[in-house]
Amino acid sequence: MNVDPADMTEDQRSAWLASLTTDELAVLHVPCGSKLTLLFIAYIKYILTTQTMTTGHRLRFLEWINNAVDVYITPEILAAIEPMSETEVKMLLEVRSLDREDDKIGLASFKVLPSWMVFNHFLSLNPSLLGAIKMRRSACENDTNPIRYSPAASAPALGGYGVELGG
């Protein structure tokens, strides 16, 4: 689909929703913040597996990942997410380039990354993200996932989303 669901008429949106697969419906219902967290977990795993860094920097990234465990992201989901590919990293950095320098939270990229079309491009490149979403859906359906919360306040500030993005 090349049209953002937000730009559809009510009738178009109804028809589109009726045409979605079970997996697509699961993706549709993932909160925007959780989509961003899934992407940044994959990005941090990419960094940890491809970049040379100090022990302190590695620890900060590992702490961020540890603190990503919350109501949506379980330890099992965290473990299932594969690192981003080079293509995904280029896409992520390109979207992040939309953010103004004075925008510390990355409002522009926050709106673009979890959008239907963009997030689905990431899903096509990294099937483990869809796998993580399906794991969450399965846990909810089977009621095997008690609500967990890990305060992000203890996570080190690593940039706009809590992650330092470099080129």
Protein backbone atom coordinates (compact mmCIF):
# COMPACT_ATOMS: atom_id res chain seq x y z
CA MET A 1 0.00 0.00 0.00
CA ASN A 2 1.41 3.36 -1.02
CA VAL A 3 -1.10 5.53 0.82
CA ASP A 4 -0.82 6.40 4.48
CA PRO A 5 -3.94 5.14 6.30
CA ALA A 6 -4.32 8.60 7.86
CA ASP A 7 -4.85 10.03 4.35
CA MET A 8 -7.67 7.62 3.48
CA THR A 9 -11.36 8.34 3.51
CA GLU A 10 -13.44 6.50 6.08
CA ASP A 11 -14.67 4.04 3.44
CA GLN A 12 -11.15 3.45 2.11
CA ARG A 13 -9.83 2.89 5.63
CA SER A 14 -12.66 0.44 6.43
CA ALA A 15 -11.93 -1.55 3.27
CA TRP A 16 -8.19 -1.48 3.99
CA LEU A 17 -8.69 -2.69 7.57
CA ALA A 18 -10.92 -5.52 6.36
CA SER A 19 -8.17 -6.62 3.94
CA LEU A 20 -5.37 -6.86 6.54
CA THR A 21 -3.88 -10.21 7.52
CA THR A 22 -3.59 -11.27 11.16
CA ASP A 23 0.08 -10.23 11.16
CA GLU A 24 -0.70 -6.85 9.62
CA LEU A 25 -3.40 -6.25 12.24
CA ALA A 26 -0.89 -7.12 14.96
CA VAL A 27 1.56 -4.56 13.52
CA LEU A 28 -1.19 -1.97 13.25
CA HIS A 29 -1.92 -2.29 16.97
CA VAL A 30 1.68 -1.93 18.17
CA PRO A 31 1.99 1.39 20.02
CA CYS A 32 4.25 3.92 18.27
CA GLY A 33 6.65 4.03 21.21
CA SER A 34 6.99 0.24 21.15
CA LYS A 35 7.72 0.32 17.42
CA LEU A 36 10.50 2.81 18.09
CA THR A 37 11.84 0.66 20.91
CA LEU A 38 11.90 -2.41 18.65
CA LEU A 39 13.82 -0.45 16.02
CA PHE A 40 16.32 0.92 18.50
CA ILE A 41 16.92 -2.49 20.06
CA ALA A 42 17.81 -3.78 16.59
CA TYR A 43 19.98 -0.71 16.01
CA ILE A 44 21.84 -1.09 19.30
CA LYS A 45 22.42 -4.77 18.58
CA TYR A 46 23.89 -3.69 15.23
CA ILE A 47 26.19 -1.23 17.02
CA LEU A 48 27.24 -3.81 19.61
CA THR A 49 28.09 -6.38 16.92
CA THR A 50 29.83 -4.11 14.41
CA GLN A 51 31.44 -1.20 16.24
CA THR A 52 34.58 -0.97 18.34
CA MET A 53 33.94 0.98 21.51
CA THR A 54 35.12 1.44 25.05
CA THR A 55 33.83 -0.84 27.77
CA GLY A 56 31.96 2.14 29.22
CA HIS A 57 30.11 2.82 25.97
CA ARG A 58 29.30 -0.88 25.55
CA LEU A 59 27.93 -0.92 29.10
CA ARG A 60 25.73 2.12 28.40
CA PHE A 61 24.22 0.41 25.33
CA LEU A 62 23.66 -2.81 27.26
CA GLU A 63 22.01 -0.85 30.08
CA TRP A 64 19.71 0.84 27.56
CA ILE A 65 18.69 -2.53 26.13
CA ASN A 66 18.15 -3.92 29.63
CA ASN A 67 15.91 -0.98 30.49
CA ALA A 68 13.88 -1.50 27.31
CA VAL A 69 12.12 -4.41 29.01
CA ASP A 70 8.67 -3.12 29.94
CA VAL A 71 4.99 -3.86 29.47
CA TYR A 72 5.44 -4.53 25.74
CA ILE A 73 9.04 -5.76 25.44
CA THR A 74 9.64 -8.95 27.42
CA PRO A 75 13.10 -10.49 27.89
CA GLU A 76 12.12 -13.17 25.34
CA ILE A 77 11.13 -10.55 22.77
CA LEU A 78 14.33 -8.64 23.46
CA ALA A 79 16.38 -11.78 22.81
CA ALA A 80 14.50 -12.56 19.59
CA ILE A 81 15.27 -9.26 17.87
CA GLU A 82 18.14 -9.49 15.38
CA PRO A 83 20.57 -6.63 14.71
CA MET A 84 19.73 -4.21 11.91
CA SER A 85 21.32 -4.66 8.52
CA GLU A 86 23.42 -1.96 6.87
CA THR A 87 20.39 -1.00 4.76
CA GLU A 88 18.20 -0.58 7.84
CA VAL A 89 20.85 1.55 9.53
CA LYS A 90 21.04 3.81 6.47
CA MET A 91 17.24 4.13 6.49
CA LEU A 92 17.20 4.93 10.22
CA LEU A 93 19.91 7.56 9.93
CA GLU A 94 18.20 9.10 6.90
CA VAL A 95 14.94 9.45 8.81
CA ARG A 96 16.80 10.82 11.83
CA SER A 97 18.29 13.50 9.53
CA LEU A 98 14.79 15.04 9.44
CA ASP A 99 15.21 16.13 13.07
CA ARG A 100 16.29 19.70 13.73
CA GLU A 101 19.48 20.17 15.74
CA ASP A 102 17.60 21.89 18.55
CA ASP A 103 15.05 19.05 18.74
CA LYS A 104 16.52 16.77 21.41
CA ILE A 105 13.65 14.26 21.30
CA GLY A 106 13.54 13.84 17.53
CA LEU A 107 9.93 14.79 16.91
CA ALA A 108 10.15 14.61 13.10
CA SER A 109 11.63 11.11 13.05
CA PHE A 110 9.27 10.04 15.85
CA LYS A 111 6.39 10.74 13.46
CA VAL A 112 7.98 8.98 10.47
CA LEU A 113 9.62 5.83 11.88
CA PRO A 114 6.49 4.17 13.31
CA SER A 115 4.32 5.14 10.33
CA TRP A 116 2.68 2.26 8.49
CA MET A 117 4.76 2.49 5.31
CA VAL A 118 8.16 3.15 6.92
CA PHE A 119 7.85 0.62 9.74
CA ASN A 120 6.72 -2.04 7.26
CA HIS A 121 9.90 -1.45 5.23
CA PHE A 122 11.89 -2.26 8.36
CA LEU A 123 9.75 -5.38 8.91
CA SER A 124 10.49 -6.59 5.37
CA LEU A 125 14.23 -6.16 5.94
CA ASN A 126 14.31 -7.60 9.46
CA PRO A 127 11.77 -10.42 9.92
CA SER A 128 12.76 -10.75 13.59
CA LEU A 129 10.83 -7.54 14.27
CA LEU A 130 7.62 -9.14 13.04
CA GLY A 131 8.57 -12.25 15.00
CA ALA A 132 8.82 -10.11 18.14
CA ILE A 133 5.40 -8.59 17.46
CA LYS A 134 3.93 -12.05 16.96
CA MET A 135 5.51 -13.23 20.22
CA ARG A 136 3.85 -10.33 22.01
CA ARG A 137 0.50 -11.06 20.39
CA SER A 138 0.80 -14.74 21.37
CA ALA A 139 1.70 -13.85 24.96
CA CYS A 140 -1.33 -11.57 25.19
CA GLU A 141 -3.66 -14.15 23.68
CA ASN A 142 -2.38 -16.82 26.07
CA ASP A 143 -2.17 -14.42 29.01
CA THR A 144 1.38 -15.60 29.72
CA ASN A 145 2.87 -12.13 29.94
CA PRO A 146 2.38 -10.43 33.27
CA ILE A 147 2.77 -6.68 33.12
CA ARG A 148 6.36 -5.67 33.77
CA TYR A 149 7.83 -2.25 34.07
CA SER A 150 11.47 -1.19 34.15
CA PRO A 151 11.86 2.51 34.88
CA ALA A 152 13.66 4.26 32.06
CA ALA A 153 14.84 6.87 34.54
CA SER A 154 17.69 4.55 35.47
CA ALA A 155 18.80 4.29 31.85
CA PRO A 156 21.64 6.59 30.83
CA ALA A 157 20.69 9.41 28.50
CA LEU A 158 22.24 8.49 25.15
CA GLY A 159 20.62 11.04 22.88
CA GLY A 160 17.14 11.84 21.56
CA TYR A 161 15.61 8.38 22.00
CA GLY A 162 18.17 7.33 24.57
CA VAL A 163 20.45 6.19 21.75
CA GLU A 164 23.39 8.00 20.22
CA LEU A 165 23.06 7.76 16.45
CA GLY A 166 26.21 8.26 14.46
CA GLY A 167 27.27 7.93 10.85
